[in-house]
Every structure is written in structure tokens, then in C-alpha cells.
Amino acid sequence: MGNPIYTNLLTHSFFDRGYPSYFYLTLLLAHRQHFIGRCSKGSFPAAQKLFRRPVPSKRVMLRAPHYLRPKLLALGLPLTIAVRFVTVILKTGEVEVLVTSLLDETLYPASEFGPLYYLRWGVETFYGRVKGRLALENFTGKTPEAIKQDFYSTILNFRRRVRSHRRGTTPTRPEILYESLPATGQ
């Protein structure tokens, strides 16, 4: 992995549809945090165009929505930011559009974004399983402390089950392991 796009991956933020917003991207940039995120079909107008007419990569200056400008000015954040939209064509032919702060097309070729973004899929499916099988979003309380306790106990329980699985005391097929995990709150 000598390509610069894979260098310092832990310093990049990866996020899925529903997260990219002008405010979020601006905050990441203000904290010098590189990002790669998947856009929804209803997100930024430039991304919407790429869903309809894909091109490998397009650099764009995003302007803050009018309603957000007073808040941005009060926080000392910019009203325009430079981002790059990268189109990824999946094996199914489906088009995905990513937004990134990695602007240099020579250093970060569009062809590298598909494999790079795919690397996060294992993490995404893990969270999906944890949320679904362990009912992670069904908290027993509403205070930050109660939510933290629920979260950490859920992860601790999951880790115990995985360790138990590795010792051979639970079913050996991963899909059975996840099916055997209790769904809390049921």
C-alpha cells in the first residue's frame, strides 16, 4: 500500500450517507481532518448531478446554505469550502458518489477510492450486527451516563461472546454466532 491515499488512514474520517452536510464538512476541515464520505442522492447538487451523469472526479467549491451562514460566521468558519466528488461504479452497475477533502487528483486518483471506501465495509457490517442483534439503540435510560453504560456493556458482552466463540464454546459459523447473540430489550 505505497499509494499516498492509504497513508495515515487513521487520520481520515469515513462516513456514510446521512452524515455529509456543509456544516459537518466545514468542522472537519477546520480541525484539519481529511474525510471521505458517501453522499445520498438528495445531498449536494453537485453530487446529484454525478448520480445522473457520472464522471470519475470533480472538484467543486461548496457554498454554505443561507440559513447556516450566521452560525458559521459566529464560529469563524468559512462560507465556501473546496471539496472533491468522486464517482465509484459498483460491480452491480450502481453509482456511488463520495465527497472528500483529498483534492489532488494526481496524488489521490479516483480509481483508488472504490477499493479504499470498500475497506470500511467490514466495520460498517460489524456496527450493523451489533446494533441489530444487540439492540444497541434500545437504551435503558436517557442520561448520557445510562447510554454510555448500555453501550459499553453491550460491547463487553459482544467481546465475551466472540472470545467464547474462539475457544469453541459457541457455534463455529459466524452467522450462527451473530444469530445466537441475545437481542436486549426483547
C-alpha atoms as a PDB file:
ATOM      1  CA  MET A   1       0.000   0.000   0.000  1.00  0.00           C
ATOM      2  CA  GLY A   2       2.577   2.549  -1.112  1.00  0.00           C
ATOM      3  CA  ASN A   3      -0.085   4.824  -2.599  1.00  0.00           C
ATOM      4  CA  PRO A   4      -0.458   8.070  -0.589  1.00  0.00           C
ATOM      5  CA  ILE A   5      -4.222   7.573  -0.353  1.00  0.00           C
ATOM      6  CA  TYR A   6      -3.600   4.684   2.054  1.00  0.00           C
ATOM      7  CA  THR A   7      -1.043   6.595   4.130  1.00  0.00           C
ATOM      8  CA  ASN A   8      -2.319   7.736   7.509  1.00  0.00           C
ATOM      9  CA  LEU A   9      -5.747   6.163   7.025  1.00  0.00           C
ATOM     10  CA  LEU A  10      -6.402   6.501  10.737  1.00  0.00           C
ATOM     11  CA  THR A  11      -6.334  10.279  10.365  1.00  0.00           C
ATOM     12  CA  HIS A  12      -9.159  10.246   7.804  1.00  0.00           C
ATOM     13  CA  SER A  13     -12.839  10.310   8.740  1.00  0.00           C
ATOM     14  CA  PHE A  14     -15.021   7.888   6.812  1.00  0.00           C
ATOM     15  CA  PHE A  15     -18.771   8.308   6.946  1.00  0.00           C
ATOM     16  CA  ASP A  16     -21.882   7.041   5.261  1.00  0.00           C
ATOM     17  CA  ARG A  17     -24.958   8.644   3.704  1.00  0.00           C
ATOM     18  CA  GLY A  18     -26.816  10.922   6.032  1.00  0.00           C
ATOM     19  CA  TYR A  19     -23.682  12.454   7.531  1.00  0.00           C
ATOM     20  CA  PRO A  20     -22.321  14.772   4.849  1.00  0.00           C
ATOM     21  CA  SER A  21     -23.587  18.274   5.412  1.00  0.00           C
ATOM     22  CA  TYR A  22     -21.917  21.579   4.760  1.00  0.00           C
ATOM     23  CA  PHE A  23     -21.576  22.231   8.497  1.00  0.00           C
ATOM     24  CA  TYR A  24     -20.055  18.793   9.201  1.00  0.00           C
ATOM     25  CA  LEU A  25     -17.553  19.038   6.344  1.00  0.00           C
ATOM     26  CA  THR A  26     -16.576  22.548   7.438  1.00  0.00           C
ATOM     27  CA  LEU A  27     -15.974  21.398  11.005  1.00  0.00           C
ATOM     28  CA  LEU A  28     -13.779  18.544   9.791  1.00  0.00           C
ATOM     29  CA  LEU A  29     -11.755  20.907   7.622  1.00  0.00           C
ATOM     30  CA  ALA A  30     -11.440  23.421  10.474  1.00  0.00           C
ATOM     31  CA  HIS A  31      -9.882  20.635  12.555  1.00  0.00           C
ATOM     32  CA  ARG A  32      -7.583  19.664   9.670  1.00  0.00           C
ATOM     33  CA  GLN A  33      -9.335  16.324   9.391  1.00  0.00           C
ATOM     34  CA  HIS A  34      -9.375  14.666   5.974  1.00  0.00           C
ATOM     35  CA  PHE A  35     -12.595  12.888   5.095  1.00  0.00           C
ATOM     36  CA  ILE A  36     -14.223  10.545   2.627  1.00  0.00           C
ATOM     37  CA  GLY A  37     -17.983  10.166   2.810  1.00  0.00           C
ATOM     38  CA  ARG A  38     -20.725   8.598   0.780  1.00  0.00           C
ATOM     39  CA  CYS A  39     -23.376  11.013  -0.483  1.00  0.00           C
ATOM     40  CA  SER A  40     -27.070  10.311  -0.762  1.00  0.00           C
ATOM     41  CA  LYS A  41     -28.896  11.018  -3.992  1.00  0.00           C
ATOM     42  CA  GLY A  42     -30.531  14.003  -2.318  1.00  0.00           C
ATOM     43  CA  SER A  43     -27.368  15.588  -0.962  1.00  0.00           C
ATOM     44  CA  PHE A  44     -25.290  18.350  -2.550  1.00  0.00           C
ATOM     45  CA  PRO A  45     -26.441  19.488  -6.025  1.00  0.00           C
ATOM     46  CA  ALA A  46     -23.002  18.629  -7.481  1.00  0.00           C
ATOM     47  CA  ALA A  47     -23.342  15.069  -6.143  1.00  0.00           C
ATOM     48  CA  GLN A  48     -26.877  14.808  -7.535  1.00  0.00           C
ATOM     49  CA  LYS A  49     -25.528  15.638 -10.989  1.00  0.00           C
ATOM     50  CA  LEU A  50     -22.891  12.918 -10.709  1.00  0.00           C
ATOM     51  CA  PHE A  51     -25.527  10.321  -9.859  1.00  0.00           C
ATOM     52  CA  ARG A  52     -27.262  11.229 -13.126  1.00  0.00           C
ATOM     53  CA  ARG A  53     -24.133  11.700 -15.295  1.00  0.00           C
ATOM     54  CA  PRO A  54     -21.116  10.065 -13.676  1.00  0.00           C
ATOM     55  CA  VAL A  55     -17.615  11.380 -14.278  1.00  0.00           C
ATOM     56  CA  PRO A  56     -14.647   9.964 -12.333  1.00  0.00           C
ATOM     57  CA  SER A  57     -13.893  13.070 -10.292  1.00  0.00           C
ATOM     58  CA  LYS A  58     -14.993  16.671  -9.969  1.00  0.00           C
ATOM     59  CA  ARG A  59     -13.580  19.412  -7.757  1.00  0.00           C
ATOM     60  CA  VAL A  60     -16.223  21.853  -6.503  1.00  0.00           C
ATOM     61  CA  MET A  61     -16.478  24.942  -4.314  1.00  0.00           C
ATOM     62  CA  LEU A  62     -19.422  24.410  -1.978  1.00  0.00           C
ATOM     63  CA  ARG A  63     -21.266  27.452  -0.664  1.00  0.00           C
ATOM     64  CA  ALA A  64     -22.909  27.491   2.736  1.00  0.00           C
ATOM     65  CA  PRO A  65     -26.702  27.410   2.714  1.00  0.00           C
ATOM     66  CA  HIS A  66     -28.206  30.788   3.602  1.00  0.00           C
ATOM     67  CA  TYR A  67     -29.754  29.568   6.867  1.00  0.00           C
ATOM     68  CA  LEU A  68     -26.347  28.356   8.085  1.00  0.00           C
ATOM     69  CA  ARG A  69     -24.318  31.477   7.335  1.00  0.00           C
ATOM     70  CA  PRO A  70     -24.914  33.371  10.612  1.00  0.00           C
ATOM     71  CA  LYS A  71     -23.873  30.314  12.647  1.00  0.00           C
ATOM     72  CA  LEU A  72     -20.746  29.781  10.523  1.00  0.00           C
ATOM     73  CA  LEU A  73     -19.735  33.432  10.788  1.00  0.00           C
ATOM     74  CA  ALA A  74     -20.235  33.375  14.566  1.00  0.00           C
ATOM     75  CA  LEU A  75     -17.955  30.328  14.772  1.00  0.00           C
ATOM     76  CA  GLY A  76     -15.369  31.809  12.407  1.00  0.00           C
ATOM     77  CA  LEU A  77     -15.952  29.090   9.802  1.00  0.00           C
ATOM     78  CA  PRO A  78     -15.764  29.669   6.040  1.00  0.00           C
ATOM     79  CA  LEU A  79     -18.767  30.277   3.833  1.00  0.00           C
ATOM     80  CA  THR A  80     -17.170  28.350   0.952  1.00  0.00           C
ATOM     81  CA  ILE A  81     -15.087  25.170   1.010  1.00  0.00           C
ATOM     82  CA  ALA A  82     -13.275  23.188  -1.666  1.00  0.00           C
ATOM     83  CA  VAL A  83     -14.239  19.522  -1.913  1.00  0.00           C
ATOM     84  CA  ARG A  84     -13.962  16.808  -4.492  1.00  0.00           C
ATOM     85  CA  PHE A  85     -16.699  14.442  -5.578  1.00  0.00           C
ATOM     86  CA  VAL A  86     -15.565  11.028  -6.772  1.00  0.00           C
ATOM     87  CA  THR A  87     -17.808   8.573  -8.591  1.00  0.00           C
ATOM     88  CA  VAL A  88     -17.500   4.870  -7.836  1.00  0.00           C
ATOM     89  CA  ILE A  89     -19.271   2.355 -10.057  1.00  0.00           C
ATOM     90  CA  LEU A  90     -20.066  -0.826  -8.123  1.00  0.00           C
ATOM     91  CA  LYS A  91     -19.922  -4.305  -9.654  1.00  0.00           C
ATOM     92  CA  THR A  92     -23.723  -4.174  -9.829  1.00  0.00           C
ATOM     93  CA  GLY A  93     -23.525  -1.065 -12.017  1.00  0.00           C
ATOM     94  CA  GLU A  94     -24.887   1.092  -9.221  1.00  0.00           C
ATOM     95  CA  VAL A  95     -23.339   4.555  -8.918  1.00  0.00           C
ATOM     96  CA  GLU A  96     -21.981   5.803  -5.597  1.00  0.00           C
ATOM     97  CA  VAL A  97     -20.723   9.349  -5.124  1.00  0.00           C
ATOM     98  CA  LEU A  98     -18.138  10.128  -2.471  1.00  0.00           C
ATOM     99  CA  VAL A  99     -17.210  13.563  -1.140  1.00  0.00           C
ATOM    100  CA  THR A 100     -13.637  14.082   0.003  1.00  0.00           C
ATOM    101  CA  SER A 101     -11.120  16.627   1.179  1.00  0.00           C
ATOM    102  CA  LEU A 102      -8.383  14.799  -0.761  1.00  0.00           C
ATOM    103  CA  LEU A 103      -8.322  17.269  -3.642  1.00  0.00           C
ATOM    104  CA  ASP A 104      -5.154  16.354  -5.554  1.00  0.00           C
ATOM    105  CA  GLU A 105      -6.258  14.088  -8.400  1.00  0.00           C
ATOM    106  CA  THR A 106      -2.686  13.045  -9.171  1.00  0.00           C
ATOM    107  CA  LEU A 107      -1.822  12.120  -5.609  1.00  0.00           C
ATOM    108  CA  TYR A 108      -5.261  10.614  -4.931  1.00  0.00           C
ATOM    109  CA  PRO A 109      -6.548   9.078  -8.200  1.00  0.00           C
ATOM    110  CA  ALA A 110     -10.272   8.483  -8.485  1.00  0.00           C
ATOM    111  CA  SER A 111      -9.624   4.809  -9.262  1.00  0.00           C
ATOM    112  CA  GLU A 112      -8.334   4.284  -5.688  1.00  0.00           C
ATOM    113  CA  PHE A 113     -11.474   5.496  -3.918  1.00  0.00           C
ATOM    114  CA  GLY A 114     -13.616   2.424  -4.599  1.00  0.00           C
ATOM    115  CA  PRO A 115     -11.167  -0.055  -3.036  1.00  0.00           C
ATOM    116  CA  LEU A 116     -10.384   2.383  -0.235  1.00  0.00           C
ATOM    117  CA  TYR A 117     -14.009   3.001   0.666  1.00  0.00           C
ATOM    118  CA  TYR A 118     -14.710  -0.732   0.487  1.00  0.00           C
ATOM    119  CA  LEU A 119     -12.213  -1.245   3.346  1.00  0.00           C
ATOM    120  CA  ARG A 120     -14.714   0.316   5.743  1.00  0.00           C
ATOM    121  CA  TRP A 121     -17.390  -2.213   4.836  1.00  0.00           C
ATOM    122  CA  GLY A 122     -16.271  -4.719   7.489  1.00  0.00           C
ATOM    123  CA  VAL A 123     -16.588  -2.043  10.151  1.00  0.00           C
ATOM    124  CA  GLU A 124     -19.989  -0.997   8.803  1.00  0.00           C
ATOM    125  CA  THR A 125     -21.332  -4.559   8.874  1.00  0.00           C
ATOM    126  CA  PHE A 126     -19.942  -5.047  12.385  1.00  0.00           C
ATOM    127  CA  TYR A 127     -21.836  -1.989  13.621  1.00  0.00           C
ATOM    128  CA  GLY A 128     -24.953  -3.154  11.817  1.00  0.00           C
ATOM    129  CA  ARG A 129     -24.762  -6.533  13.513  1.00  0.00           C
ATOM    130  CA  VAL A 130     -24.059  -5.044  16.907  1.00  0.00           C
ATOM    131  CA  LYS A 131     -26.936  -2.570  16.541  1.00  0.00           C
ATOM    132  CA  GLY A 132     -29.340  -5.168  15.195  1.00  0.00           C
ATOM    133  CA  ARG A 133     -28.536  -8.258  17.239  1.00  0.00           C
ATOM    134  CA  LEU A 134     -27.784  -6.491  20.473  1.00  0.00           C
ATOM    135  CA  ALA A 135     -30.449  -3.805  20.074  1.00  0.00           C
ATOM    136  CA  LEU A 136     -27.793  -1.210  20.771  1.00  0.00           C
ATOM    137  CA  GLU A 137     -30.190   1.658  20.119  1.00  0.00           C
ATOM    138  CA  ASN A 138     -32.643   0.477  22.818  1.00  0.00           C
ATOM    139  CA  PHE A 139     -31.157   2.263  25.796  1.00  0.00           C
ATOM    140  CA  THR A 140     -32.340   1.622  29.342  1.00  0.00           C
ATOM    141  CA  GLY A 141     -32.084   5.303  30.261  1.00  0.00           C
ATOM    142  CA  LYS A 142     -31.930   8.758  28.742  1.00  0.00           C
ATOM    143  CA  THR A 143     -28.986  10.299  30.566  1.00  0.00           C
ATOM    144  CA  PRO A 144     -25.550  10.347  28.939  1.00  0.00           C
ATOM    145  CA  GLU A 145     -24.284   8.093  31.760  1.00  0.00           C
ATOM    146  CA  ALA A 146     -27.019   5.479  31.161  1.00  0.00           C
ATOM    147  CA  ILE A 147     -26.360   5.469  27.418  1.00  0.00           C
ATOM    148  CA  LYS A 148     -22.600   5.070  27.983  1.00  0.00           C
ATOM    149  CA  GLN A 149     -23.216   2.188  30.392  1.00  0.00           C
ATOM    150  CA  ASP A 150     -25.515   0.464  27.900  1.00  0.00           C
ATOM    151  CA  PHE A 151     -23.075   0.952  25.054  1.00  0.00           C
ATOM    152  CA  TYR A 152     -20.020  -0.305  26.919  1.00  0.00           C
ATOM    153  CA  SER A 153     -21.824  -3.256  28.478  1.00  0.00           C
ATOM    154  CA  THR A 154     -23.145  -4.224  25.042  1.00  0.00           C
ATOM    155  CA  ILE A 155     -19.664  -4.118  23.522  1.00  0.00           C
ATOM    156  CA  LEU A 156     -18.232  -6.013  26.510  1.00  0.00           C
ATOM    157  CA  ASN A 157     -20.904  -8.677  26.101  1.00  0.00           C
ATOM    158  CA  PHE A 158     -20.179  -8.908  22.381  1.00  0.00           C
ATOM    159  CA  ARG A 159     -16.425  -9.287  23.022  1.00  0.00           C
ATOM    160  CA  ARG A 160     -17.091 -12.041  25.569  1.00  0.00           C
ATOM    161  CA  ARG A 161     -19.221 -13.901  23.063  1.00  0.00           C
ATOM    162  CA  VAL A 162     -16.506 -13.579  20.415  1.00  0.00           C
ATOM    163  CA  ARG A 163     -13.831 -14.858  22.848  1.00  0.00           C
ATOM    164  CA  SER A 164     -16.109 -17.704  23.837  1.00  0.00           C
ATOM    165  CA  HIS A 165     -16.627 -18.467  20.167  1.00  0.00           C
ATOM    166  CA  ARG A 166     -12.859 -18.558  19.597  1.00  0.00           C
ATOM    167  CA  ARG A 167     -12.451 -21.080  22.431  1.00  0.00           C
ATOM    168  CA  GLY A 168     -15.027 -23.296  20.750  1.00  0.00           C
ATOM    169  CA  THR A 169     -17.718 -22.981  23.390  1.00  0.00           C
ATOM    170  CA  THR A 170     -20.235 -21.459  20.988  1.00  0.00           C
ATOM    171  CA  PRO A 171     -21.217 -22.363  17.412  1.00  0.00           C
ATOM    172  CA  THR A 172     -18.314 -22.010  14.981  1.00  0.00           C
ATOM    173  CA  ARG A 173     -20.022 -20.431  12.000  1.00  0.00           C
ATOM    174  CA  PRO A 174     -20.064 -16.598  12.303  1.00  0.00           C
ATOM    175  CA  GLU A 175     -23.662 -16.325  11.147  1.00  0.00           C
ATOM    176  CA  ILE A 176     -24.715 -18.668  13.962  1.00  0.00           C
ATOM    177  CA  LEU A 177     -22.654 -16.650  16.420  1.00  0.00           C
ATOM    178  CA  TYR A 178     -24.498 -13.476  15.489  1.00  0.00           C
ATOM    179  CA  GLU A 179     -27.860 -15.263  15.447  1.00  0.00           C
ATOM    180  CA  SER A 180     -27.153 -16.630  18.922  1.00  0.00           C
ATOM    181  CA  LEU A 181     -26.452 -13.215  20.393  1.00  0.00           C
ATOM    182  CA  PRO A 182     -29.317 -12.047  22.564  1.00  0.00           C
ATOM    183  CA  ALA A 183     -31.257  -9.046  21.387  1.00  0.00           C
ATOM    184  CA  THR A 184     -31.615  -6.959  24.501  1.00  0.00           C
ATOM    185  CA  GLY A 185     -34.954  -5.379  25.127  1.00  0.00           C
ATOM    186  CA  GLN A 186     -36.909  -8.341  23.710  1.00  0.00           C
END
